[in-house]
Amino acid sequence: MKAQEVMGTVDKNGQLSLDKPLAVQKQSRVRVIVLFDEEEMDEDDESKEAVLESLRKSLGEAKAGKTRPISELWDGIDVE
């Protein structure tokens, strides 16, 4: 077997579309192994969930009166 590496996209229907044609000399069947970029896939889901959790926590703290004056938030920040 001979191998080639190409990038592509899987659409919402699960169909694979290659970014460029394969370099082949004759028509033939192929074995396809798809490697997903886990960081790219999980990053969006995790970051959305992390943002939502942070917002839930902040809202709960605000409702409980656990707030600080905005002037305190600037203490220690050096602005150039």
C-alpha atoms as a PDB file:
ATOM      1  CA  MET A   1       0.000   0.000   0.000  1.00  0.00           C
ATOM      2  CA  LYS A   2       1.034   3.554  -0.705  1.00  0.00           C
ATOM      3  CA  ALA A   3      -0.004   6.478   1.532  1.00  0.00           C
ATOM      4  CA  GLN A   4      -0.770  10.133   0.870  1.00  0.00           C
ATOM      5  CA  GLU A   5      -1.675  12.778   3.409  1.00  0.00           C
ATOM      6  CA  VAL A   6      -4.223  15.408   2.444  1.00  0.00           C
ATOM      7  CA  MET A   7      -6.494  17.706   4.420  1.00  0.00           C
ATOM      8  CA  GLY A   8     -10.228  17.828   3.987  1.00  0.00           C
ATOM      9  CA  THR A   9     -13.506  18.743   5.607  1.00  0.00           C
ATOM     10  CA  VAL A  10     -16.359  16.626   6.879  1.00  0.00           C
ATOM     11  CA  ASP A  11     -19.727  18.321   6.327  1.00  0.00           C
ATOM     12  CA  LYS A  12     -22.820  18.101   8.534  1.00  0.00           C
ATOM     13  CA  ASN A  13     -23.925  14.990   6.610  1.00  0.00           C
ATOM     14  CA  GLY A  14     -20.650  13.184   7.300  1.00  0.00           C
ATOM     15  CA  GLN A  15     -19.406  13.525   3.725  1.00  0.00           C
ATOM     16  CA  LEU A  16     -15.653  13.980   3.284  1.00  0.00           C
ATOM     17  CA  SER A  17     -14.398  16.604   0.837  1.00  0.00           C
ATOM     18  CA  LEU A  18     -10.659  16.779   0.141  1.00  0.00           C
ATOM     19  CA  ASP A  19      -8.922  20.147  -0.169  1.00  0.00           C
ATOM     20  CA  LYS A  20      -7.059  18.963  -3.269  1.00  0.00           C
ATOM     21  CA  PRO A  21      -7.192  15.912  -5.538  1.00  0.00           C
ATOM     22  CA  LEU A  22      -5.180  12.826  -4.707  1.00  0.00           C
ATOM     23  CA  ALA A  23      -2.117  12.187  -6.869  1.00  0.00           C
ATOM     24  CA  VAL A  24      -3.124   8.878  -8.464  1.00  0.00           C
ATOM     25  CA  GLN A  25      -2.228   7.318 -11.779  1.00  0.00           C
ATOM     26  CA  LYS A  26      -5.268   5.081 -12.133  1.00  0.00           C
ATOM     27  CA  GLN A  27      -8.737   4.786 -10.707  1.00  0.00           C
ATOM     28  CA  SER A  28      -8.815   2.450  -7.702  1.00  0.00           C
ATOM     29  CA  ARG A  29     -10.430   1.774  -4.360  1.00  0.00           C
ATOM     30  CA  VAL A  30      -8.761   3.283  -1.305  1.00  0.00           C
ATOM     31  CA  ARG A  31      -8.724   2.778   2.424  1.00  0.00           C
ATOM     32  CA  VAL A  32      -9.514   5.983   4.294  1.00  0.00           C
ATOM     33  CA  ILE A  33      -8.383   6.663   7.861  1.00  0.00           C
ATOM     34  CA  VAL A  34      -9.697   9.954   9.216  1.00  0.00           C
ATOM     35  CA  LEU A  35      -7.807  11.743  11.991  1.00  0.00           C
ATOM     36  CA  PHE A  36      -9.719  14.483  13.785  1.00  0.00           C
ATOM     37  CA  ASP A  37      -7.943  17.402  15.403  1.00  0.00           C
ATOM     38  CA  GLU A  38      -9.177  16.862  18.974  1.00  0.00           C
ATOM     39  CA  GLU A  39      -8.041  20.285  20.176  1.00  0.00           C
ATOM     40  CA  GLU A  40     -10.028  22.016  17.466  1.00  0.00           C
ATOM     41  CA  MET A  41     -13.105  19.878  18.053  1.00  0.00           C
ATOM     42  CA  ASP A  42     -13.120  19.971  21.848  1.00  0.00           C
ATOM     43  CA  GLU A  43     -11.836  23.486  22.320  1.00  0.00           C
ATOM     44  CA  ASP A  44     -15.045  25.154  21.179  1.00  0.00           C
ATOM     45  CA  ASP A  45     -17.277  22.897  23.265  1.00  0.00           C
ATOM     46  CA  GLU A  46     -15.095  23.207  26.345  1.00  0.00           C
ATOM     47  CA  SER A  47     -14.648  26.938  26.066  1.00  0.00           C
ATOM     48  CA  LYS A  48     -18.398  27.511  25.642  1.00  0.00           C
ATOM     49  CA  GLU A  49     -19.117  25.337  28.653  1.00  0.00           C
ATOM     50  CA  ALA A  50     -16.365  27.039  30.664  1.00  0.00           C
ATOM     51  CA  VAL A  51     -17.772  30.474  29.816  1.00  0.00           C
ATOM     52  CA  LEU A  52     -21.290  29.410  30.778  1.00  0.00           C
ATOM     53  CA  GLU A  53     -20.085  27.956  34.069  1.00  0.00           C
ATOM     54  CA  SER A  54     -18.140  31.142  34.837  1.00  0.00           C
ATOM     55  CA  LEU A  55     -21.221  33.242  34.097  1.00  0.00           C
ATOM     56  CA  ARG A  56     -23.391  31.030  36.314  1.00  0.00           C
ATOM     57  CA  LYS A  57     -20.891  31.348  39.157  1.00  0.00           C
ATOM     58  CA  SER A  58     -20.593  35.121  38.749  1.00  0.00           C
ATOM     59  CA  LEU A  59     -24.350  35.583  38.635  1.00  0.00           C
ATOM     60  CA  GLY A  60     -24.754  33.484  41.778  1.00  0.00           C
ATOM     61  CA  GLU A  61     -22.112  35.561  43.571  1.00  0.00           C
ATOM     62  CA  ALA A  62     -23.775  38.809  42.491  1.00  0.00           C
ATOM     63  CA  LYS A  63     -27.192  37.579  43.697  1.00  0.00           C
ATOM     64  CA  ALA A  64     -25.609  36.612  47.038  1.00  0.00           C
ATOM     65  CA  GLY A  65     -24.163  40.118  47.397  1.00  0.00           C
ATOM     66  CA  LYS A  66     -20.574  38.958  46.956  1.00  0.00           C
ATOM     67  CA  THR A  67     -19.494  41.983  44.951  1.00  0.00           C
ATOM     68  CA  ARG A  68     -16.680  44.543  45.147  1.00  0.00           C
ATOM     69  CA  PRO A  69     -16.637  48.178  44.089  1.00  0.00           C
ATOM     70  CA  ILE A  70     -15.288  48.642  40.584  1.00  0.00           C
ATOM     71  CA  SER A  71     -12.621  50.999  41.922  1.00  0.00           C
ATOM     72  CA  GLU A  72     -11.019  48.029  43.715  1.00  0.00           C
ATOM     73  CA  LEU A  73     -10.698  46.125  40.467  1.00  0.00           C
ATOM     74  CA  TRP A  74      -8.238  48.720  39.154  1.00  0.00           C
ATOM     75  CA  ASP A  75      -5.937  48.526  42.207  1.00  0.00           C
ATOM     76  CA  GLY A  76      -2.586  47.087  41.204  1.00  0.00           C
ATOM     77  CA  ILE A  77      -3.128  47.347  37.458  1.00  0.00           C
ATOM     78  CA  ASP A  78      -0.352  49.256  35.732  1.00  0.00           C
ATOM     79  CA  VAL A  79      -1.536  51.113  32.648  1.00  0.00           C
ATOM     80  CA  GLU A  80       1.057  52.544  30.298  1.00  0.00           C
END
